[in-house]
Amino acid sequence: MVTEVNEDIQVCAHFREGRLFPLWFVWHSRFYKVTSVTSRWSSREGRAAKHHLTVLAGGTCELYELCFDTERLAWSLGRIASAA
């Protein structure tokens, strides 16, 4: 089941070898520690490049799609995919 969210979130991330790695994010005042990045891709929306990362977080079996917008310099939570 996939749930559309499309809400701004807080993310702590770093760059390593030219790649973006999120460490944790906060959504609705809840802290999620990223345990792994499962996929990544880029898209364009007008002038903005968007970097999408699908991550596992907090020991859950849910996948979270994080998106970094290079024009706004902001992160958002796009979708959540769960097994249920």
N, C-alpha and C. Protein backbone atom coordinates (compact mmCIF):
# COMPACT_ATOMS: atom_id res chain seq x y z
N MET A 1 0.83 -1.17 0.00
CA MET A 1 0.00 0.00 0.00
C MET A 1 0.89 1.25 0.00
N VAL A 2 0.61 2.18 -0.89
CA VAL A 2 1.39 3.41 -1.00
C VAL A 2 0.52 4.58 -0.57
N THR A 3 1.05 5.41 0.33
CA THR A 3 0.35 6.59 0.82
C THR A 3 1.08 7.83 0.34
N GLU A 4 0.37 8.70 -0.36
CA GLU A 4 0.93 9.99 -0.80
C GLU A 4 0.95 10.93 0.40
N VAL A 5 2.09 11.60 0.61
CA VAL A 5 2.22 12.52 1.74
C VAL A 5 2.49 13.94 1.25
N ASN A 6 3.59 14.13 0.53
CA ASN A 6 3.99 15.42 -0.03
C ASN A 6 3.96 16.56 1.00
N GLU A 7 4.72 16.36 2.09
CA GLU A 7 4.84 17.36 3.14
C GLU A 7 6.31 17.68 3.37
N ASP A 8 6.59 18.94 3.70
CA ASP A 8 7.96 19.33 4.04
C ASP A 8 8.36 18.66 5.34
N ILE A 9 9.64 18.27 5.42
CA ILE A 9 10.18 17.62 6.61
C ILE A 9 11.57 18.18 6.89
N GLN A 10 12.07 17.90 8.08
CA GLN A 10 13.44 18.23 8.45
C GLN A 10 14.29 17.00 8.21
N VAL A 11 15.47 17.21 7.59
CA VAL A 11 16.37 16.09 7.30
C VAL A 11 17.79 16.50 7.67
N CYS A 12 18.53 15.58 8.26
CA CYS A 12 19.97 15.74 8.46
C CYS A 12 20.64 14.79 7.47
N ALA A 13 21.49 15.34 6.61
CA ALA A 13 22.14 14.53 5.58
C ALA A 13 23.58 14.98 5.40
N HIS A 14 24.37 14.15 4.77
CA HIS A 14 25.74 14.54 4.42
C HIS A 14 26.06 14.03 3.02
N PHE A 15 27.13 14.58 2.49
CA PHE A 15 27.61 14.16 1.18
C PHE A 15 28.85 13.29 1.39
N ARG A 16 28.92 12.20 0.64
CA ARG A 16 30.10 11.34 0.66
C ARG A 16 30.36 10.90 -0.77
N GLU A 17 31.55 11.17 -1.25
CA GLU A 17 31.95 10.79 -2.61
C GLU A 17 30.95 11.30 -3.65
N GLY A 18 30.47 12.54 -3.44
CA GLY A 18 29.56 13.17 -4.39
C GLY A 18 28.12 12.69 -4.34
N ARG A 19 27.77 11.90 -3.33
CA ARG A 19 26.40 11.39 -3.20
C ARG A 19 25.80 11.87 -1.89
N LEU A 20 24.49 12.05 -1.91
CA LEU A 20 23.73 12.54 -0.78
C LEU A 20 23.25 11.37 0.07
N PHE A 21 23.50 11.45 1.38
CA PHE A 21 23.10 10.39 2.31
C PHE A 21 22.33 10.98 3.48
N PRO A 22 21.02 10.73 3.58
CA PRO A 22 20.26 11.20 4.74
C PRO A 22 20.58 10.34 5.96
N LEU A 23 20.73 10.98 7.11
CA LEU A 23 21.02 10.27 8.35
C LEU A 23 19.74 10.05 9.17
N TRP A 24 18.91 11.08 9.22
CA TRP A 24 17.64 11.00 9.92
C TRP A 24 16.69 12.06 9.38
N PHE A 25 15.39 11.90 9.70
CA PHE A 25 14.41 12.92 9.35
C PHE A 25 13.35 13.00 10.45
N VAL A 26 12.67 14.15 10.49
CA VAL A 26 11.59 14.37 11.45
C VAL A 26 10.32 14.67 10.66
N TRP A 27 9.27 13.93 10.98
CA TRP A 27 7.97 14.13 10.33
C TRP A 27 6.90 14.07 11.41
N HIS A 28 6.08 15.09 11.49
CA HIS A 28 5.04 15.19 12.53
C HIS A 28 5.62 15.00 13.93
N SER A 29 6.74 15.66 14.19
CA SER A 29 7.43 15.64 15.49
C SER A 29 7.96 14.26 15.87
N ARG A 30 8.03 13.35 14.93
CA ARG A 30 8.58 12.02 15.20
C ARG A 30 9.92 11.87 14.49
N PHE A 31 10.90 11.32 15.18
CA PHE A 31 12.26 11.14 14.69
C PHE A 31 12.39 9.77 14.03
N TYR A 32 12.97 9.74 12.82
CA TYR A 32 13.20 8.50 12.08
C TYR A 32 14.69 8.42 11.73
N LYS A 33 15.37 7.42 12.21
CA LYS A 33 16.77 7.20 11.86
C LYS A 33 16.82 6.37 10.58
N VAL A 34 17.52 6.88 9.57
CA VAL A 34 17.64 6.18 8.30
C VAL A 34 18.64 5.04 8.47
N THR A 35 18.21 3.83 8.14
CA THR A 35 19.09 2.67 8.26
C THR A 35 19.73 2.28 6.94
N SER A 36 19.04 2.59 5.82
CA SER A 36 19.65 2.33 4.52
C SER A 36 18.91 3.08 3.42
N VAL A 37 19.67 3.37 2.36
CA VAL A 37 19.10 3.97 1.15
C VAL A 37 18.91 2.82 0.17
N THR A 38 17.67 2.60 -0.27
CA THR A 38 17.39 1.46 -1.13
C THR A 38 17.39 1.81 -2.61
N SER A 39 17.11 3.07 -2.93
CA SER A 39 17.19 3.50 -4.32
C SER A 39 17.29 5.02 -4.37
N ARG A 40 17.74 5.52 -5.53
CA ARG A 40 17.87 6.96 -5.73
C ARG A 40 17.70 7.28 -7.20
N TRP A 41 17.11 8.44 -7.48
CA TRP A 41 16.94 8.92 -8.86
C TRP A 41 16.75 10.42 -8.81
N SER A 42 16.86 11.06 -9.96
CA SER A 42 16.69 12.50 -10.06
C SER A 42 15.60 12.82 -11.07
N SER A 43 14.97 13.97 -10.87
CA SER A 43 13.95 14.45 -11.80
C SER A 43 14.09 15.97 -11.91
N ARG A 44 13.38 16.56 -12.84
CA ARG A 44 13.38 18.01 -13.00
C ARG A 44 11.95 18.50 -12.95
N GLU A 45 11.77 19.65 -12.32
CA GLU A 45 10.48 20.32 -12.28
C GLU A 45 10.76 21.78 -12.54
N GLY A 46 10.61 22.20 -13.79
CA GLY A 46 11.02 23.55 -14.16
C GLY A 46 12.52 23.67 -14.07
N ARG A 47 12.99 24.68 -13.36
CA ARG A 47 14.44 24.87 -13.18
C ARG A 47 15.02 24.00 -12.07
N ALA A 48 14.17 23.48 -11.23
CA ALA A 48 14.64 22.75 -10.06
C ALA A 48 14.98 21.30 -10.39
N ALA A 49 16.15 20.90 -9.93
CA ALA A 49 16.49 19.48 -9.94
C ALA A 49 16.00 18.92 -8.61
N LYS A 50 15.44 17.72 -8.66
CA LYS A 50 14.97 17.07 -7.44
C LYS A 50 15.67 15.73 -7.31
N HIS A 51 16.20 15.49 -6.13
CA HIS A 51 16.90 14.24 -5.84
C HIS A 51 16.00 13.42 -4.92
N HIS A 52 15.60 12.25 -5.41
CA HIS A 52 14.70 11.36 -4.67
C HIS A 52 15.50 10.21 -4.11
N LEU A 53 15.21 9.86 -2.86
CA LEU A 53 15.85 8.72 -2.22
C LEU A 53 14.78 7.91 -1.50
N THR A 54 14.77 6.63 -1.73
CA THR A 54 13.89 5.74 -0.99
C THR A 54 14.72 5.14 0.13
N VAL A 55 14.21 5.26 1.36
CA VAL A 55 14.99 4.82 2.52
C VAL A 55 14.17 3.93 3.43
N LEU A 56 14.87 3.09 4.18
CA LEU A 56 14.30 2.36 5.30
C LEU A 56 14.67 3.14 6.54
N ALA A 57 13.77 3.22 7.51
CA ALA A 57 14.06 4.03 8.69
C ALA A 57 13.42 3.45 9.94
N GLY A 58 14.12 3.63 11.05
CA GLY A 58 13.56 3.34 12.36
C GLY A 58 13.17 1.90 12.62
N GLY A 59 13.76 0.96 11.94
CA GLY A 59 13.46 -0.44 12.18
C GLY A 59 12.07 -0.85 11.69
N THR A 60 11.43 0.01 10.90
CA THR A 60 10.11 -0.35 10.37
C THR A 60 10.29 -1.09 9.05
N CYS A 61 9.21 -1.67 8.55
CA CYS A 61 9.26 -2.33 7.25
C CYS A 61 8.69 -1.40 6.17
N GLU A 62 8.58 -0.11 6.48
CA GLU A 62 8.07 0.85 5.53
C GLU A 62 9.20 1.52 4.77
N LEU A 63 8.91 1.86 3.51
CA LEU A 63 9.85 2.62 2.68
C LEU A 63 9.36 4.06 2.63
N TYR A 64 10.27 5.00 2.79
CA TYR A 64 9.96 6.43 2.77
C TYR A 64 10.66 7.07 1.58
N GLU A 65 9.92 7.81 0.77
CA GLU A 65 10.52 8.53 -0.34
C GLU A 65 10.82 9.96 0.09
N LEU A 66 12.11 10.26 0.23
CA LEU A 66 12.56 11.60 0.58
C LEU A 66 12.95 12.32 -0.69
N CYS A 67 12.68 13.61 -0.77
CA CYS A 67 13.00 14.38 -1.97
C CYS A 67 13.68 15.69 -1.57
N PHE A 68 14.84 15.95 -2.16
CA PHE A 68 15.54 17.22 -1.94
C PHE A 68 15.37 18.09 -3.17
N ASP A 69 14.77 19.27 -2.97
CA ASP A 69 14.51 20.24 -4.04
C ASP A 69 15.66 21.24 -4.06
N THR A 70 16.44 21.26 -5.14
CA THR A 70 17.63 22.11 -5.21
C THR A 70 17.31 23.58 -5.38
N GLU A 71 16.11 23.91 -5.84
CA GLU A 71 15.75 25.33 -5.98
C GLU A 71 15.30 25.91 -4.63
N ARG A 72 14.48 25.18 -3.90
CA ARG A 72 14.01 25.65 -2.60
C ARG A 72 14.98 25.33 -1.47
N LEU A 73 15.94 24.44 -1.75
CA LEU A 73 16.85 23.91 -0.73
C LEU A 73 16.05 23.36 0.44
N ALA A 74 15.08 22.52 0.10
CA ALA A 74 14.17 21.97 1.10
C ALA A 74 13.91 20.49 0.83
N TRP A 75 13.60 19.77 1.89
CA TRP A 75 13.28 18.36 1.81
C TRP A 75 11.78 18.15 1.97
N SER A 76 11.27 17.10 1.35
CA SER A 76 9.88 16.72 1.54
C SER A 76 9.79 15.19 1.62
N LEU A 77 8.71 14.74 2.24
CA LEU A 77 8.39 13.32 2.28
C LEU A 77 7.31 13.11 1.22
N GLY A 78 7.65 12.39 0.17
CA GLY A 78 6.73 12.20 -0.95
C GLY A 78 5.69 11.12 -0.71
N ARG A 79 6.18 9.91 -0.41
CA ARG A 79 5.29 8.77 -0.25
C ARG A 79 5.83 7.82 0.79
N ILE A 80 4.94 7.02 1.32
CA ILE A 80 5.32 5.94 2.23
C ILE A 80 4.73 4.66 1.65
N ALA A 81 5.54 3.64 1.55
CA ALA A 81 5.08 2.34 1.06
C ALA A 81 5.19 1.33 2.20
N SER A 82 4.10 0.66 2.48
CA SER A 82 4.10 -0.34 3.54
C SER A 82 3.62 -1.68 3.00
N ALA A 83 3.96 -2.72 3.70
CA ALA A 83 3.60 -4.07 3.27
C ALA A 83 2.11 -4.36 3.47
N ALA A 84 1.46 -3.62 4.35
CA ALA A 84 0.04 -3.89 4.65
C ALA A 84 -0.88 -3.38 3.58
